[in-house]
Amino acid sequence: MGQGLLDEILSIALKTEFHYKERKYERIKNNKCSTLITYADNSISNGNVYKQLGFALIKETKWNYWYLSSEKHDKLLHRSNFMRHKLNTKLTEKEEMYKRGYRRYYDAGNKVYEMNITRN
């Protein structure tokens, strides 16, 4: 794969994380990595952009859950932030978060894609 196509792939794959884009791009470019792995959220994507770019589907993950913020329910917060030992409670994680006004959001899992790359 030529550097031009790699630049295009990285641009598409990283565009949603704009403030990290340059740092991640430089890390990938300078580490001479041989494999790119990316994820397509089944809740919002069918993964076609990765197929069109030449990525191979290697597996699908099961569903996962997040928490919706307690105020307006407008922010998704990763569940790892609310593990029981971090909450300092005798209640289960789910019970404690419900008590605090948070609600669970279940996604549809992810498709995991991989591309082997070679440097020119």
PDB file of N, CA and C in Angstrom:
ATOM      1  N   MET A   1       0.854  -1.169   0.000  1.00  0.00           N
ATOM      2  CA  MET A   1       0.000   0.000   0.000  1.00  0.00           C
ATOM      3  C   MET A   1       0.896   1.227   0.000  1.00  0.00           C
ATOM      4  N   GLY A   2       0.569   2.191  -0.831  1.00  0.00           N
ATOM      5  CA  GLY A   2       1.335   3.417  -0.896  1.00  0.00           C
ATOM      6  C   GLY A   2       1.000   4.373   0.235  1.00  0.00           C
ATOM      7  N   GLN A   3       1.885   5.335   0.467  1.00  0.00           N
ATOM      8  CA  GLN A   3       1.687   6.297   1.558  1.00  0.00           C
ATOM      9  C   GLN A   3       0.433   7.139   1.335  1.00  0.00           C
ATOM     10  N   GLY A   4       0.076   7.442   0.076  1.00  0.00           N
ATOM     11  CA  GLY A   4      -1.122   8.232  -0.200  1.00  0.00           C
ATOM     12  C   GLY A   4      -2.393   7.549   0.288  1.00  0.00           C
ATOM     13  N   LEU A   5      -2.514   6.240   0.025  1.00  0.00           N
ATOM     14  CA  LEU A   5      -3.688   5.500   0.481  1.00  0.00           C
ATOM     15  C   LEU A   5      -3.692   5.391   1.995  1.00  0.00           C
ATOM     16  N   LEU A   6      -2.519   5.172   2.599  1.00  0.00           N
ATOM     17  CA  LEU A   6      -2.435   5.112   4.060  1.00  0.00           C
ATOM     18  C   LEU A   6      -2.877   6.444   4.664  1.00  0.00           C
ATOM     19  N   ASP A   7      -2.440   7.560   4.078  1.00  0.00           N
ATOM     20  CA  ASP A   7      -2.872   8.881   4.556  1.00  0.00           C
ATOM     21  C   ASP A   7      -4.388   9.016   4.491  1.00  0.00           C
ATOM     22  N   GLU A   8      -4.996   8.551   3.396  1.00  0.00           N
ATOM     23  CA  GLU A   8      -6.444   8.642   3.238  1.00  0.00           C
ATOM     24  C   GLU A   8      -7.175   7.788   4.270  1.00  0.00           C
ATOM     25  N   ILE A   9      -6.694   6.571   4.486  1.00  0.00           N
ATOM     26  CA  ILE A   9      -7.299   5.683   5.474  1.00  0.00           C
ATOM     27  C   ILE A   9      -7.227   6.311   6.856  1.00  0.00           C
ATOM     28  N   LEU A  10      -6.065   6.817   7.222  1.00  0.00           N
ATOM     29  CA  LEU A  10      -5.911   7.414   8.540  1.00  0.00           C
ATOM     30  C   LEU A  10      -6.786   8.645   8.696  1.00  0.00           C
ATOM     31  N   SER A  11      -6.924   9.414   7.642  1.00  0.00           N
ATOM     32  CA  SER A  11      -7.775  10.596   7.691  1.00  0.00           C
ATOM     33  C   SER A  11      -9.223  10.219   7.983  1.00  0.00           C
ATOM     34  N   ILE A  12      -9.728   9.203   7.297  1.00  0.00           N
ATOM     35  CA  ILE A  12     -11.105   8.756   7.508  1.00  0.00           C
ATOM     36  C   ILE A  12     -11.256   8.108   8.878  1.00  0.00           C
ATOM     37  N   ALA A  13     -10.332   7.235   9.230  1.00  0.00           N
ATOM     38  CA  ALA A  13     -10.448   6.481  10.478  1.00  0.00           C
ATOM     39  C   ALA A  13     -10.315   7.362  11.705  1.00  0.00           C
ATOM     40  N   LEU A  14      -9.576   8.447  11.618  1.00  0.00           N
ATOM     41  CA  LEU A  14      -9.326   9.271  12.792  1.00  0.00           C
ATOM     42  C   LEU A  14     -10.110  10.573  12.819  1.00  0.00           C
ATOM     43  N   LYS A  15     -10.917  10.853  11.819  1.00  0.00           N
ATOM     44  CA  LYS A  15     -11.558  12.170  11.746  1.00  0.00           C
ATOM     45  C   LYS A  15     -12.514  12.443  12.901  1.00  0.00           C
ATOM     46  N   THR A  16     -13.067  11.410  13.518  1.00  0.00           N
ATOM     47  CA  THR A  16     -13.998  11.639  14.607  1.00  0.00           C
ATOM     48  C   THR A  16     -13.285  11.990  15.906  1.00  0.00           C
ATOM     49  N   GLU A  17     -11.971  11.803  15.944  1.00  0.00           N
ATOM     50  CA  GLU A  17     -11.208  12.136  17.138  1.00  0.00           C
ATOM     51  C   GLU A  17     -10.225  13.245  16.785  1.00  0.00           C
ATOM     52  N   PHE A  18     -10.744  14.392  16.367  1.00  0.00           N
ATOM     53  CA  PHE A  18      -9.947  15.457  15.779  1.00  0.00           C
ATOM     54  C   PHE A  18      -8.765  15.879  16.658  1.00  0.00           C
ATOM     55  N   HIS A  19      -8.997  16.079  17.951  1.00  0.00           N
ATOM     56  CA  HIS A  19      -7.918  16.591  18.795  1.00  0.00           C
ATOM     57  C   HIS A  19      -6.801  15.574  19.007  1.00  0.00           C
ATOM     58  N   TYR A  20      -7.045  14.305  18.713  1.00  0.00           N
ATOM     59  CA  TYR A  20      -6.002  13.291  18.810  1.00  0.00           C
ATOM     60  C   TYR A  20      -5.420  12.941  17.444  1.00  0.00           C
ATOM     61  N   LYS A  21      -6.013  13.437  16.397  1.00  0.00           N
ATOM     62  CA  LYS A  21      -5.671  12.994  15.052  1.00  0.00           C
ATOM     63  C   LYS A  21      -4.178  13.104  14.741  1.00  0.00           C
ATOM     64  N   GLU A  22      -3.609  14.255  14.945  1.00  0.00           N
ATOM     65  CA  GLU A  22      -2.211  14.449  14.570  1.00  0.00           C
ATOM     66  C   GLU A  22      -1.290  13.548  15.382  1.00  0.00           C
ATOM     67  N   ARG A  23      -1.548  13.445  16.660  1.00  0.00           N
ATOM     68  CA  ARG A  23      -0.697  12.613  17.506  1.00  0.00           C
ATOM     69  C   ARG A  23      -0.791  11.139  17.100  1.00  0.00           C
ATOM     70  N   LYS A  24      -2.004  10.644  16.874  1.00  0.00           N
ATOM     71  CA  LYS A  24      -2.171   9.247  16.488  1.00  0.00           C
ATOM     72  C   LYS A  24      -1.565   8.991  15.113  1.00  0.00           C
ATOM     73  N   TYR A  25      -1.777   9.922  14.191  1.00  0.00           N
ATOM     74  CA  TYR A  25      -1.231   9.750  12.851  1.00  0.00           C
ATOM     75  C   TYR A  25       0.290   9.640  12.911  1.00  0.00           C
ATOM     76  N   GLU A  26       0.928  10.523  13.657  1.00  0.00           N
ATOM     77  CA  GLU A  26       2.383  10.499  13.749  1.00  0.00           C
ATOM     78  C   GLU A  26       2.865   9.212  14.402  1.00  0.00           C
ATOM     79  N   ARG A  27       2.139   8.733  15.409  1.00  0.00           N
ATOM     80  CA  ARG A  27       2.517   7.475  16.055  1.00  0.00           C
ATOM     81  C   ARG A  27       2.459   6.313  15.072  1.00  0.00           C
ATOM     82  N   ILE A  28       1.387   6.256  14.307  1.00  0.00           N
ATOM     83  CA  ILE A  28       1.231   5.175  13.329  1.00  0.00           C
ATOM     84  C   ILE A  28       2.302   5.282  12.257  1.00  0.00           C
ATOM     85  N   LYS A  29       2.508   6.480  11.759  1.00  0.00           N
ATOM     86  CA  LYS A  29       3.458   6.698  10.677  1.00  0.00           C
ATOM     87  C   LYS A  29       4.895   6.372  11.112  1.00  0.00           C
ATOM     88  N   ASN A  30       5.268   6.784  12.315  1.00  0.00           N
ATOM     89  CA  ASN A  30       6.650   6.624  12.766  1.00  0.00           C
ATOM     90  C   ASN A  30       6.957   5.259  13.369  1.00  0.00           C
ATOM     91  N   ASN A  31       5.967   4.557  13.864  1.00  0.00           N
ATOM     92  CA  ASN A  31       6.214   3.250  14.470  1.00  0.00           C
ATOM     93  C   ASN A  31       6.343   2.144  13.451  1.00  0.00           C
ATOM     94  N   LYS A  32       6.102   2.451  12.212  1.00  0.00           N
ATOM     95  CA  LYS A  32       6.189   1.451  11.149  1.00  0.00           C
ATOM     96  C   LYS A  32       5.328   0.237  11.483  1.00  0.00           C
ATOM     97  N   CYS A  33       4.124   0.524  11.925  1.00  0.00           N
ATOM     98  CA  CYS A  33       3.217  -0.569  12.268  1.00  0.00           C
ATOM     99  C   CYS A  33       2.884  -1.376  11.025  1.00  0.00           C
ATOM    100  N   SER A  34       2.565  -2.623  11.233  1.00  0.00           N
ATOM    101  CA  SER A  34       2.265  -3.486  10.102  1.00  0.00           C
ATOM    102  C   SER A  34       0.780  -3.820  10.009  1.00  0.00           C
ATOM    103  N   THR A  35      -0.005  -3.460  11.037  1.00  0.00           N
ATOM    104  CA  THR A  35      -1.428  -3.781  11.061  1.00  0.00           C
ATOM    105  C   THR A  35      -2.216  -2.614  11.625  1.00  0.00           C
ATOM    106  N   LEU A  36      -3.316  -2.287  10.963  1.00  0.00           N
ATOM    107  CA  LEU A  36      -4.274  -1.314  11.493  1.00  0.00           C
ATOM    108  C   LEU A  36      -5.527  -2.073  11.898  1.00  0.00           C
ATOM    109  N   ILE A  37      -6.055  -1.768  13.077  1.00  0.00           N
ATOM    110  CA  ILE A  37      -7.304  -2.365  13.542  1.00  0.00           C
ATOM    111  C   ILE A  37      -8.252  -1.223  13.852  1.00  0.00           C
ATOM    112  N   THR A  38      -9.494  -1.364  13.409  1.00  0.00           N
ATOM    113  CA  THR A  38     -10.495  -0.337  13.656  1.00  0.00           C
ATOM    114  C   THR A  38     -11.827  -0.997  13.964  1.00  0.00           C
ATOM    115  N   TYR A  39     -12.733  -0.220  14.524  1.00  0.00           N
ATOM    116  CA  TYR A  39     -14.024  -0.740  14.957  1.00  0.00           C
ATOM    117  C   TYR A  39     -15.151   0.064  14.315  1.00  0.00           C
ATOM    118  N   ALA A  40     -16.212  -0.629  13.926  1.00  0.00           N
ATOM    119  CA  ALA A  40     -17.428   0.020  13.430  1.00  0.00           C
ATOM    120  C   ALA A  40     -18.539  -0.298  14.417  1.00  0.00           C
ATOM    121  N   ASP A  41     -19.137   0.734  14.980  1.00  0.00           N
ATOM    122  CA  ASP A  41     -20.221   0.587  15.949  1.00  0.00           C
ATOM    123  C   ASP A  41     -21.476   0.137  15.209  1.00  0.00           C
ATOM    124  N   ASN A  42     -21.959  -1.060  15.495  1.00  0.00           N
ATOM    125  CA  ASN A  42     -23.140  -1.596  14.814  1.00  0.00           C
ATOM    126  C   ASN A  42     -24.397  -0.764  15.043  1.00  0.00           C
ATOM    127  N   SER A  43     -24.395   0.078  16.073  1.00  0.00           N
ATOM    128  CA  SER A  43     -25.553   0.936  16.342  1.00  0.00           C
ATOM    129  C   SER A  43     -25.723   2.008  15.278  1.00  0.00           C
ATOM    130  N   ILE A  44     -24.602   2.401  14.652  1.00  0.00           N
ATOM    131  CA  ILE A  44     -24.668   3.525  13.713  1.00  0.00           C
ATOM    132  C   ILE A  44     -23.985   3.261  12.377  1.00  0.00           C
ATOM    133  N   SER A  45     -23.381   2.094  12.215  1.00  0.00           N
ATOM    134  CA  SER A  45     -22.605   1.857  11.005  1.00  0.00           C
ATOM    135  C   SER A  45     -22.702   0.395  10.568  1.00  0.00           C
ATOM    136  N   ASN A  46     -22.611   0.191   9.261  1.00  0.00           N
ATOM    137  CA  ASN A  46     -22.541  -1.183   8.764  1.00  0.00           C
ATOM    138  C   ASN A  46     -21.108  -1.560   8.379  1.00  0.00           C
ATOM    139  N   GLY A  47     -20.177  -0.627   8.550  1.00  0.00           N
ATOM    140  CA  GLY A  47     -18.768  -0.906   8.294  1.00  0.00           C
ATOM    141  C   GLY A  47     -18.346  -0.834   6.841  1.00  0.00           C
ATOM    142  N   ASN A  48     -19.232  -0.435   5.948  1.00  0.00           N
ATOM    143  CA  ASN A  48     -18.900  -0.432   4.518  1.00  0.00           C
ATOM    144  C   ASN A  48     -17.698   0.431   4.169  1.00  0.00           C
ATOM    145  N   VAL A  49     -17.499   1.546   4.884  1.00  0.00           N
ATOM    146  CA  VAL A  49     -16.358   2.404   4.561  1.00  0.00           C
ATOM    147  C   VAL A  49     -15.048   1.642   4.755  1.00  0.00           C
ATOM    148  N   TYR A  50     -14.980   0.795   5.764  1.00  0.00           N
ATOM    149  CA  TYR A  50     -13.763   0.015   5.988  1.00  0.00           C
ATOM    150  C   TYR A  50     -13.595  -1.072   4.931  1.00  0.00           C
ATOM    151  N   LYS A  51     -14.699  -1.707   4.533  1.00  0.00           N
ATOM    152  CA  LYS A  51     -14.631  -2.712   3.459  1.00  0.00           C
ATOM    153  C   LYS A  51     -14.127  -2.070   2.171  1.00  0.00           C
ATOM    154  N   GLN A  52     -14.654  -0.881   1.859  1.00  0.00           N
ATOM    155  CA  GLN A  52     -14.251  -0.191   0.632  1.00  0.00           C
ATOM    156  C   GLN A  52     -12.785   0.213   0.660  1.00  0.00           C
ATOM    157  N   LEU A  53     -12.252   0.446   1.843  1.00  0.00           N
ATOM    158  CA  LEU A  53     -10.847   0.824   1.965  1.00  0.00           C
ATOM    159  C   LEU A  53      -9.911  -0.384   1.998  1.00  0.00           C
ATOM    160  N   GLY A  54     -10.490  -1.589   2.025  1.00  0.00           N
ATOM    161  CA  GLY A  54      -9.668  -2.787   1.982  1.00  0.00           C
ATOM    162  C   GLY A  54      -9.452  -3.483   3.315  1.00  0.00           C
ATOM    163  N   PHE A  55     -10.140  -3.029   4.354  1.00  0.00           N
ATOM    164  CA  PHE A  55     -10.040  -3.709   5.642  1.00  0.00           C
ATOM    165  C   PHE A  55     -10.805  -5.026   5.577  1.00  0.00           C
ATOM    166  N   ALA A  56     -10.339  -6.016   6.330  1.00  0.00           N
ATOM    167  CA  ALA A  56     -11.012  -7.319   6.410  1.00  0.00           C
ATOM    168  C   ALA A  56     -11.736  -7.411   7.750  1.00  0.00           C
ATOM    169  N   LEU A  57     -12.979  -7.895   7.712  1.00  0.00           N
ATOM    170  CA  LEU A  57     -13.739  -8.118   8.944  1.00  0.00           C
ATOM    171  C   LEU A  57     -13.134  -9.322   9.649  1.00  0.00           C
ATOM    172  N   ILE A  58     -12.693  -9.150  10.908  1.00  0.00           N
ATOM    173  CA  ILE A  58     -12.080 -10.282  11.616  1.00  0.00           C
ATOM    174  C   ILE A  58     -12.975 -10.843  12.717  1.00  0.00           C
ATOM    175  N   LYS A  59     -13.904 -10.030  13.240  1.00  0.00           N
ATOM    176  CA  LYS A  59     -14.852 -10.552  14.228  1.00  0.00           C
ATOM    177  C   LYS A  59     -15.909  -9.506  14.542  1.00  0.00           C
ATOM    178  N   GLU A  60     -16.945  -9.966  15.236  1.00  0.00           N
ATOM    179  CA  GLU A  60     -17.967  -9.061  15.763  1.00  0.00           C
ATOM    180  C   GLU A  60     -18.004  -9.239  17.269  1.00  0.00           C
ATOM    181  N   THR A  61     -18.108  -8.124  17.973  1.00  0.00           N
ATOM    182  CA  THR A  61     -18.177  -8.191  19.429  1.00  0.00           C
ATOM    183  C   THR A  61     -19.633  -8.230  19.864  1.00  0.00           C
ATOM    184  N   LYS A  62     -19.850  -8.687  21.087  1.00  0.00           N
ATOM    185  CA  LYS A  62     -21.210  -8.691  21.620  1.00  0.00           C
ATOM    186  C   LYS A  62     -21.584  -7.278  22.051  1.00  0.00           C
ATOM    187  N   TRP A  63     -22.830  -7.099  22.406  1.00  0.00           N
ATOM    188  CA  TRP A  63     -23.302  -5.793  22.848  1.00  0.00           C
ATOM    189  C   TRP A  63     -22.544  -5.364  24.099  1.00  0.00           C
ATOM    190  N   ASN A  64     -22.627  -4.099  24.378  1.00  0.00           N
ATOM    191  CA  ASN A  64     -22.001  -3.502  25.536  1.00  0.00           C
ATOM    192  C   ASN A  64     -22.976  -2.475  26.098  1.00  0.00           C
ATOM    193  N   TYR A  65     -22.684  -1.931  27.235  1.00  0.00           N
ATOM    194  CA  TYR A  65     -23.557  -0.879  27.750  1.00  0.00           C
ATOM    195  C   TYR A  65     -22.749   0.310  28.241  1.00  0.00           C
ATOM    196  N   TRP A  66     -23.415   1.440  28.205  1.00  0.00           N
ATOM    197  CA  TRP A  66     -22.877   2.720  28.646  1.00  0.00           C
ATOM    198  C   TRP A  66     -23.905   3.307  29.602  1.00  0.00           C
ATOM    199  N   TYR A  67     -23.567   4.413  30.227  1.00  0.00           N
ATOM    200  CA  TYR A  67     -24.541   5.121  31.055  1.00  0.00           C
ATOM    201  C   TYR A  67     -24.849   6.466  30.427  1.00  0.00           C
ATOM    202  N   LEU A  68     -26.121   6.823  30.488  1.00  0.00           N
ATOM    203  CA  LEU A  68     -26.546   8.158  30.068  1.00  0.00           C
ATOM    204  C   LEU A  68     -26.439   9.081  31.262  1.00  0.00           C
ATOM    205  N   SER A  69     -25.913  10.278  31.047  1.00  0.00           N
ATOM    206  CA  SER A  69     -25.713  11.221  32.144  1.00  0.00           C
ATOM    207  C   SER A  69     -27.011  11.479  32.896  1.00  0.00           C
ATOM    208  N   SER A  70     -26.885  11.792  34.168  1.00  0.00           N
ATOM    209  CA  SER A  70     -28.068  11.906  35.023  1.00  0.00           C
ATOM    210  C   SER A  70     -28.865  13.182  34.805  1.00  0.00           C
ATOM    211  N   GLU A  71     -28.235  14.262  34.347  1.00  0.00           N
ATOM    212  CA  GLU A  71     -28.963  15.528  34.205  1.00  0.00           C
ATOM    213  C   GLU A  71     -29.960  15.499  33.037  1.00  0.00           C
ATOM    214  N   LYS A  72     -29.429  15.573  31.843  1.00  0.00           N
ATOM    215  CA  LYS A  72     -30.288  15.652  30.655  1.00  0.00           C
ATOM    216  C   LYS A  72     -30.308  14.358  29.853  1.00  0.00           C
ATOM    217  N   HIS A  73     -29.594  13.360  30.321  1.00  0.00           N
ATOM    218  CA  HIS A  73     -29.455  12.102  29.571  1.00  0.00           C
ATOM    219  C   HIS A  73     -28.944  12.362  28.159  1.00  0.00           C
ATOM    220  N   ASP A  74     -27.977  13.275  28.042  1.00  0.00           N
ATOM    221  CA  ASP A  74     -27.469  13.652  26.720  1.00  0.00           C
ATOM    222  C   ASP A  74     -26.005  13.271  26.494  1.00  0.00           C
ATOM    223  N   LYS A  75     -25.363  12.648  27.483  1.00  0.00           N
ATOM    224  CA  LYS A  75     -23.967  12.250  27.313  1.00  0.00           C
ATOM    225  C   LYS A  75     -23.833  10.772  27.641  1.00  0.00           C
ATOM    226  N   LEU A  76     -23.102  10.052  26.780  1.00  0.00           N
ATOM    227  CA  LEU A  76     -22.808   8.653  27.054  1.00  0.00           C
ATOM    228  C   LEU A  76     -21.496   8.575  27.820  1.00  0.00           C
ATOM    229  N   LEU A  77     -21.516   7.841  28.904  1.00  0.00           N
ATOM    230  CA  LEU A  77     -20.343   7.692  29.751  1.00  0.00           C
ATOM    231  C   LEU A  77     -19.985   6.208  29.820  1.00  0.00           C
ATOM    232  N   HIS A  78     -18.718   5.881  29.624  1.00  0.00           N
ATOM    233  CA  HIS A  78     -18.318   4.479  29.589  1.00  0.00           C
ATOM    234  C   HIS A  78     -18.501   3.826  30.952  1.00  0.00           C
ATOM    235  N   ARG A  79     -18.967   2.617  30.935  1.00  0.00           N
ATOM    236  CA  ARG A  79     -19.283   1.888  32.162  1.00  0.00           C
ATOM    237  C   ARG A  79     -18.080   1.661  33.059  1.00  0.00           C
ATOM    238  N   SER A  80     -16.866   1.648  32.493  1.00  0.00           N
ATOM    239  CA  SER A  80     -15.678   1.405  33.311  1.00  0.00           C
ATOM    240  C   SER A  80     -15.455   2.507  34.345  1.00  0.00           C
ATOM    241  N   ASN A  81     -16.055   3.661  34.126  1.00  0.00           N
ATOM    242  CA  ASN A  81     -15.958   4.747  35.098  1.00  0.00           C
ATOM    243  C   ASN A  81     -16.778   4.481  36.355  1.00  0.00           C
ATOM    244  N   PHE A  82     -17.665   3.502  36.304  1.00  0.00           N
ATOM    245  CA  PHE A  82     -18.626   3.300  37.382  1.00  0.00           C
ATOM    246  C   PHE A  82     -18.598   1.881  37.941  1.00  0.00           C
ATOM    247  N   MET A  83     -17.431   1.263  37.927  1.00  0.00           N
ATOM    248  CA  MET A  83     -17.331  -0.070  38.514  1.00  0.00           C
ATOM    249  C   MET A  83     -17.612   0.015  40.013  1.00  0.00           C
ATOM    250  N   ARG A  84     -18.154  -1.041  40.542  1.00  0.00           N
ATOM    251  CA  ARG A  84     -18.619  -1.045  41.925  1.00  0.00           C
ATOM    252  C   ARG A  84     -17.544  -0.577  42.915  1.00  0.00           C
ATOM    253  N   HIS A  85     -16.321  -1.021  42.754  1.00  0.00           N
ATOM    254  CA  HIS A  85     -15.269  -0.612  43.699  1.00  0.00           C
ATOM    255  C   HIS A  85     -14.961   0.885  43.608  1.00  0.00           C
ATOM    256  N   LYS A  86     -15.263   1.511  42.470  1.00  0.00           N
ATOM    257  CA  LYS A  86     -15.064   2.952  42.336  1.00  0.00           C
ATOM    258  C   LYS A  86     -16.220   3.744  42.939  1.00  0.00           C
ATOM    259  N   LEU A  87     -17.371   3.106  43.059  1.00  0.00           N
ATOM    260  CA  LEU A  87     -18.564   3.778  43.574  1.00  0.00           C
ATOM    261  C   LEU A  87     -18.629   3.767  45.099  1.00  0.00           C
ATOM    262  N   ASN A  88     -17.848   2.908  45.736  1.00  0.00           N
ATOM    263  CA  ASN A  88     -17.819   2.819  47.196  1.00  0.00           C
ATOM    264  C   ASN A  88     -19.222   2.612  47.768  1.00  0.00           C
ATOM    265  N   THR A  89     -19.843   1.527  47.345  1.00  0.00           N
ATOM    266  CA  THR A  89     -21.211   1.232  47.760  1.00  0.00           C
ATOM    267  C   THR A  89     -21.378  -0.267  47.970  1.00  0.00           C
ATOM    268  N   LYS A  90     -22.395  -0.636  48.706  1.00  0.00           N
ATOM    269  CA  LYS A  90     -22.722  -2.059  48.869  1.00  0.00           C
ATOM    270  C   LYS A  90     -23.736  -2.498  47.815  1.00  0.00           C
ATOM    271  N   LEU A  91     -24.338  -1.527  47.139  1.00  0.00           N
ATOM    272  CA  LEU A  91     -25.278  -1.842  46.071  1.00  0.00           C
ATOM    273  C   LEU A  91     -24.522  -2.342  44.845  1.00  0.00           C
ATOM    274  N   THR A  92     -25.231  -3.001  43.941  1.00  0.00           N
ATOM    275  CA  THR A  92     -24.603  -3.368  42.671  1.00  0.00           C
ATOM    276  C   THR A  92     -24.369  -2.092  41.870  1.00  0.00           C
ATOM    277  N   GLU A  93     -23.499  -2.183  40.882  1.00  0.00           N
ATOM    278  CA  GLU A  93     -23.244  -1.034  40.003  1.00  0.00           C
ATOM    279  C   GLU A  93     -24.558  -0.510  39.420  1.00  0.00           C
ATOM    280  N   LYS A  94     -25.375  -1.414  38.895  1.00  0.00           N
ATOM    281  CA  LYS A  94     -26.630  -1.021  38.254  1.00  0.00           C
ATOM    282  C   LYS A  94     -27.567  -0.329  39.254  1.00  0.00           C
ATOM    283  N   GLU A  95     -27.690  -0.892  40.454  1.00  0.00           N
ATOM    284  CA  GLU A  95     -28.569  -0.296  41.470  1.00  0.00           C
ATOM    285  C   GLU A  95     -28.089   1.097  41.879  1.00  0.00           C
ATOM    286  N   GLU A  96     -26.788   1.234  42.099  1.00  0.00           N
ATOM    287  CA  GLU A  96     -26.232   2.521  42.523  1.00  0.00           C
ATOM    288  C   GLU A  96     -26.392   3.579  41.438  1.00  0.00           C
ATOM    289  N   MET A  97     -26.128   3.206  40.199  1.00  0.00           N
ATOM    290  CA  MET A  97     -26.240   4.181  39.115  1.00  0.00           C
ATOM    291  C   MET A  97     -27.691   4.589  38.897  1.00  0.00           C
ATOM    292  N   TYR A  98     -28.605   3.656  39.024  1.00  0.00           N
ATOM    293  CA  TYR A  98     -30.025   3.984  38.884  1.00  0.00           C
ATOM    294  C   TYR A  98     -30.441   4.949  39.996  1.00  0.00           C
ATOM    295  N   LYS A  99     -29.963   4.687  41.207  1.00  0.00           N
ATOM    296  CA  LYS A  99     -30.263   5.557  42.352  1.00  0.00           C
ATOM    297  C   LYS A  99     -29.761   6.982  42.105  1.00  0.00           C
ATOM    298  N   ARG A 100     -28.635   7.097  41.430  1.00  0.00           N
ATOM    299  CA  ARG A 100     -28.041   8.411  41.141  1.00  0.00           C
ATOM    300  C   ARG A 100     -28.674   9.097  39.927  1.00  0.00           C
ATOM    301  N   GLY A 101     -29.607   8.421  39.270  1.00  0.00           N
ATOM    302  CA  GLY A 101     -30.301   9.042  38.147  1.00  0.00           C
ATOM    303  C   GLY A 101     -29.762   8.692  36.777  1.00  0.00           C
ATOM    304  N   TYR A 102     -28.766   7.840  36.718  1.00  0.00           N
ATOM    305  CA  TYR A 102     -28.212   7.416  35.431  1.00  0.00           C
ATOM    306  C   TYR A 102     -29.038   6.268  34.869  1.00  0.00           C
ATOM    307  N   ARG A 103     -29.042   6.135  33.550  1.00  0.00           N
ATOM    308  CA  ARG A 103     -29.744   5.030  32.889  1.00  0.00           C
ATOM    309  C   ARG A 103     -28.778   4.333  31.937  1.00  0.00           C
ATOM    310  N   ARG A 104     -28.958   3.045  31.788  1.00  0.00           N
ATOM    311  CA  ARG A 104     -28.094   2.278  30.893  1.00  0.00           C
ATOM    312  C   ARG A 104     -28.545   2.423  29.446  1.00  0.00           C
ATOM    313  N   TYR A 105     -27.567   2.481  28.578  1.00  0.00           N
ATOM    314  CA  TYR A 105     -27.792   2.464  27.138  1.00  0.00           C
ATOM    315  C   TYR A 105     -27.040   1.252  26.614  1.00  0.00           C
ATOM    316  N   TYR A 106     -27.745   0.377  25.920  1.00  0.00           N
ATOM    317  CA  TYR A 106     -27.123  -0.814  25.343  1.00  0.00           C
ATOM    318  C   TYR A 106     -26.860  -0.571  23.863  1.00  0.00           C
ATOM    319  N   ASP A 107     -25.637  -0.851  23.445  1.00  0.00           N
ATOM    320  CA  ASP A 107     -25.331  -0.693  22.026  1.00  0.00           C
ATOM    321  C   ASP A 107     -25.539  -2.028  21.310  1.00  0.00           C
ATOM    322  N   ALA A 108     -25.145  -2.098  20.072  1.00  0.00           N
ATOM    323  CA  ALA A 108     -25.361  -3.297  19.261  1.00  0.00           C
ATOM    324  C   ALA A 108     -24.059  -4.034  18.955  1.00  0.00           C
ATOM    325  N   GLY A 109     -23.020  -3.757  19.710  1.00  0.00           N
ATOM    326  CA  GLY A 109     -21.739  -4.398  19.470  1.00  0.00           C
ATOM    327  C   GLY A 109     -20.955  -3.696  18.364  1.00  0.00           C
ATOM    328  N   ASN A 110     -19.819  -4.257  18.032  1.00  0.00           N
ATOM    329  CA  ASN A 110     -18.935  -3.674  17.026  1.00  0.00           C
ATOM    330  C   ASN A 110     -18.486  -4.728  16.019  1.00  0.00           C
ATOM    331  N   LYS A 111     -18.171  -4.263  14.839  1.00  0.00           N
ATOM    332  CA  LYS A 111     -17.448  -5.066  13.870  1.00  0.00           C
ATOM    333  C   LYS A 111     -15.985  -4.654  14.002  1.00  0.00           C
ATOM    334  N   VAL A 112     -15.094  -5.627  14.019  1.00  0.00           N
ATOM    335  CA  VAL A 112     -13.666  -5.341  14.146  1.00  0.00           C
ATOM    336  C   VAL A 112     -13.011  -5.635  12.802  1.00  0.00           C
ATOM    337  N   TYR A 113     -12.336  -4.634  12.264  1.00  0.00           N
ATOM    338  CA  TYR A 113     -11.684  -4.747  10.962  1.00  0.00           C
ATOM    339  C   TYR A 113     -10.174  -4.633  11.119  1.00  0.00           C
ATOM    340  N   GLU A 114      -9.476  -5.295  10.205  1.00  0.00           N
ATOM    341  CA  GLU A 114      -8.007  -5.291  10.239  1.00  0.00           C
ATOM    342  C   GLU A 114      -7.472  -5.082   8.825  1.00  0.00           C
ATOM    343  N   MET A 115      -6.360  -4.380   8.748  1.00  0.00           N
ATOM    344  CA  MET A 115      -5.662  -4.225   7.471  1.00  0.00           C
ATOM    345  C   MET A 115      -4.172  -4.384   7.718  1.00  0.00           C
ATOM    346  N   ASN A 116      -3.551  -5.279   6.983  1.00  0.00           N
ATOM    347  CA  ASN A 116      -2.101  -5.409   7.019  1.00  0.00           C
ATOM    348  C   ASN A 116      -1.525  -4.397   6.040  1.00  0.00           C
ATOM    349  N   ILE A 117      -0.513  -3.671   6.480  1.00  0.00           N
ATOM    350  CA  ILE A 117       0.069  -2.637   5.637  1.00  0.00           C
ATOM    351  C   ILE A 117       1.545  -2.900   5.452  1.00  0.00           C
ATOM    352  N   THR A 118       2.031  -2.483   4.309  1.00  0.00           N
ATOM    353  CA  THR A 118       3.457  -2.580   4.020  1.00  0.00           C
ATOM    354  C   THR A 118       3.960  -1.185   3.700  1.00  0.00           C
ATOM    355  N   ARG A 119       5.162  -0.933   4.046  1.00  0.00           N
ATOM    356  CA  ARG A 119       5.773   0.376   3.799  1.00  0.00           C
ATOM    357  C   ARG A 119       6.573   0.344   2.514  1.00  0.00           C
ATOM    358  N   ASN A 120       6.541   1.471   1.815  1.00  0.00           N
ATOM    359  CA  ASN A 120       7.350   1.617   0.596  1.00  0.00           C
ATOM    360  C   ASN A 120       8.704   2.194   0.941  1.00  0.00           C
TER     361      ASN A 120
END
